[in-house]
C-alpha atoms as a PDB file:
ATOM      1  CA  MET A   1     104.750  96.535 124.098  1.00  0.00           C
ATOM      2  CA  VAL A   2     104.964  93.454 123.424  1.00  0.00           C
ATOM      3  CA  LYS A   3     107.505  90.330 124.157  1.00  0.00           C
ATOM      4  CA  GLN A   4     108.194  87.539 121.617  1.00  0.00           C
ATOM      5  CA  LYS A   5     111.031  84.790 122.291  1.00  0.00           C
ATOM      6  CA  GLY A   6     112.661  87.089 125.257  1.00  0.00           C
ATOM      7  CA  LYS A   7     112.761  89.965 123.539  1.00  0.00           C
ATOM      8  CA  ALA A   8     110.780  92.932 123.763  1.00  0.00           C
ATOM      9  CA  MET A   9     109.607  94.939 120.911  1.00  0.00           C
ATOM     10  CA  THR A  10     107.496  98.303 120.906  1.00  0.00           C
ATOM     11  CA  ARG A  11     103.816  98.090 118.991  1.00  0.00           C
ATOM     12  CA  VAL A  12     103.739 100.679 116.604  1.00  0.00           C
ATOM     13  CA  THR A  13     100.792 103.070 116.346  1.00  0.00           C
ATOM     14  CA  HIS A  14     100.015 105.347 113.684  1.00  0.00           C
ATOM     15  CA  LYS A  15      97.489 108.300 113.531  1.00  0.00           C
ATOM     16  CA  ALA A  16      95.293 109.125 110.810  1.00  0.00           C
ATOM     17  CA  ILE A  17      92.103 111.187 110.104  1.00  0.00           C
ATOM     18  CA  CYS A  18      88.845 109.977 110.930  1.00  0.00           C
ATOM     19  CA  PRO A  19      86.590 108.870 107.489  1.00  0.00           C
ATOM     20  CA  ALA A  20      83.474 109.240 109.185  1.00  0.00           C
ATOM     21  CA  CYS A  21      83.707 113.168 110.455  1.00  0.00           C
ATOM     22  CA  LYS A  22      86.740 113.816 108.067  1.00  0.00           C
ATOM     23  CA  GLY A  23      88.836 115.198 110.859  1.00  0.00           C
ATOM     24  CA  ASN A  24      86.579 117.672 112.374  1.00  0.00           C
ATOM     25  CA  GLY A  25      84.692 116.109 115.380  1.00  0.00           C
ATOM     26  CA  PHE A  26      81.288 116.110 114.271  1.00  0.00           C
ATOM     27  CA  VAL A  27      79.252 114.641 111.736  1.00  0.00           C
ATOM     28  CA  ARG A  28      75.979 116.291 110.099  1.00  0.00           C
ATOM     29  CA  VAL A  29      72.954 114.792 110.894  1.00  0.00           C
ATOM     30  CA  PRO A  30      70.491 114.137 107.855  1.00  0.00           C
ATOM     31  CA  TYR A  31      67.546 116.810 107.480  1.00  0.00           C
ATOM     32  CA  GLU A  32      65.034 113.847 106.977  1.00  0.00           C
ATOM     33  CA  LEU A  33      66.112 113.260 110.742  1.00  0.00           C
ATOM     34  CA  ALA A  34      66.454 116.025 112.692  1.00  0.00           C
ATOM     35  CA  LYS A  35      63.840 118.355 110.312  1.00  0.00           C
ATOM     36  CA  GLU A  36      66.745 121.433 110.485  1.00  0.00           C
ATOM     37  CA  GLU A  37      70.666 121.457 110.253  1.00  0.00           C
ATOM     38  CA  GLN A  38      71.905 119.389 113.089  1.00  0.00           C
ATOM     39  CA  HIS A  39      75.292 118.077 114.009  1.00  0.00           C
ATOM     40  CA  ALA A  40      76.322 115.562 116.638  1.00  0.00           C
ATOM     41  CA  GLN A  41      79.567 114.288 118.086  1.00  0.00           C
ATOM     42  CA  CYS A  42      81.569 112.148 115.881  1.00  0.00           C
ATOM     43  CA  ASP A  43      81.425 108.493 118.335  1.00  0.00           C
ATOM     44  CA  VAL A  44      83.986 106.782 115.798  1.00  0.00           C
ATOM     45  CA  CYS A  45      87.080 108.924 116.896  1.00  0.00           C
ATOM     46  CA  LYS A  46      85.124 110.205 120.339  1.00  0.00           C
ATOM     47  CA  SER A  47      85.317 113.962 118.774  1.00  0.00           C
ATOM     48  CA  GLN A  48      89.225 114.154 118.533  1.00  0.00           C
ATOM     49  CA  GLY A  49      89.203 113.924 114.958  1.00  0.00           C
ATOM     50  CA  GLU A  50      91.631 111.406 114.364  1.00  0.00           C
ATOM     51  CA  ILE A  51      92.125 107.453 114.945  1.00  0.00           C
ATOM     52  CA  LYS A  52      94.883 105.443 116.395  1.00  0.00           C
ATOM     53  CA  LEU A  53      95.996 102.096 114.106  1.00  0.00           C
ATOM     54  CA  ASP A  54      98.099  99.924 114.460  1.00  0.00           C
ATOM     55  CA  GLU A  55     100.509  98.541 112.504  1.00  0.00           C
ATOM     56  CA  LYS A  56      98.767  96.136 110.255  1.00  0.00           C
ATOM     57  CA  ASP A  57      95.719  98.142 110.085  1.00  0.00           C
ATOM     58  CA  PHE A  58      97.368 101.071 108.600  1.00  0.00           C
ATOM     59  CA  ILE A  59      99.182  98.748 106.258  1.00  0.00           C
ATOM     60  CA  ASP A  60      95.718  97.223 105.274  1.00  0.00           C
ATOM     61  CA  GLN A  61      93.711 100.749 105.019  1.00  0.00           C
ATOM     62  CA  TYR A  62      96.569 102.808 103.359  1.00  0.00           C
ATOM     63  CA  SER A  63      98.352 100.206 101.353  1.00  0.00           C
ATOM     64  CA  PRO A  64      98.714 101.525  97.649  1.00  0.00           C
ATOM     65  CA  SER A  65      98.309  97.894  96.411  1.00  0.00           C
ATOM     66  CA  LYS A  66      94.292  98.179  97.171  1.00  0.00           C
ATOM     67  CA  SER A  67      92.475  99.413  94.745  1.00  0.00           C
ATOM     68  CA  ASN A  68      89.659 101.458  96.165  1.00  0.00           C
END
């Protein structure tokens, strides 16, 4: 909760699918590194499959006016 000039404001958070593991919590290790098919836990989302974004980050990342 954030206080601003005597008023209590709640900070809005959003959940989004992790872009690194695409929501499954694991990433594929390249064959060149492991010499066999390997999977590792995603460090970005701590194997949860989703990340938490505050309002500003959410708007910056998912704004429709942002060109990809």
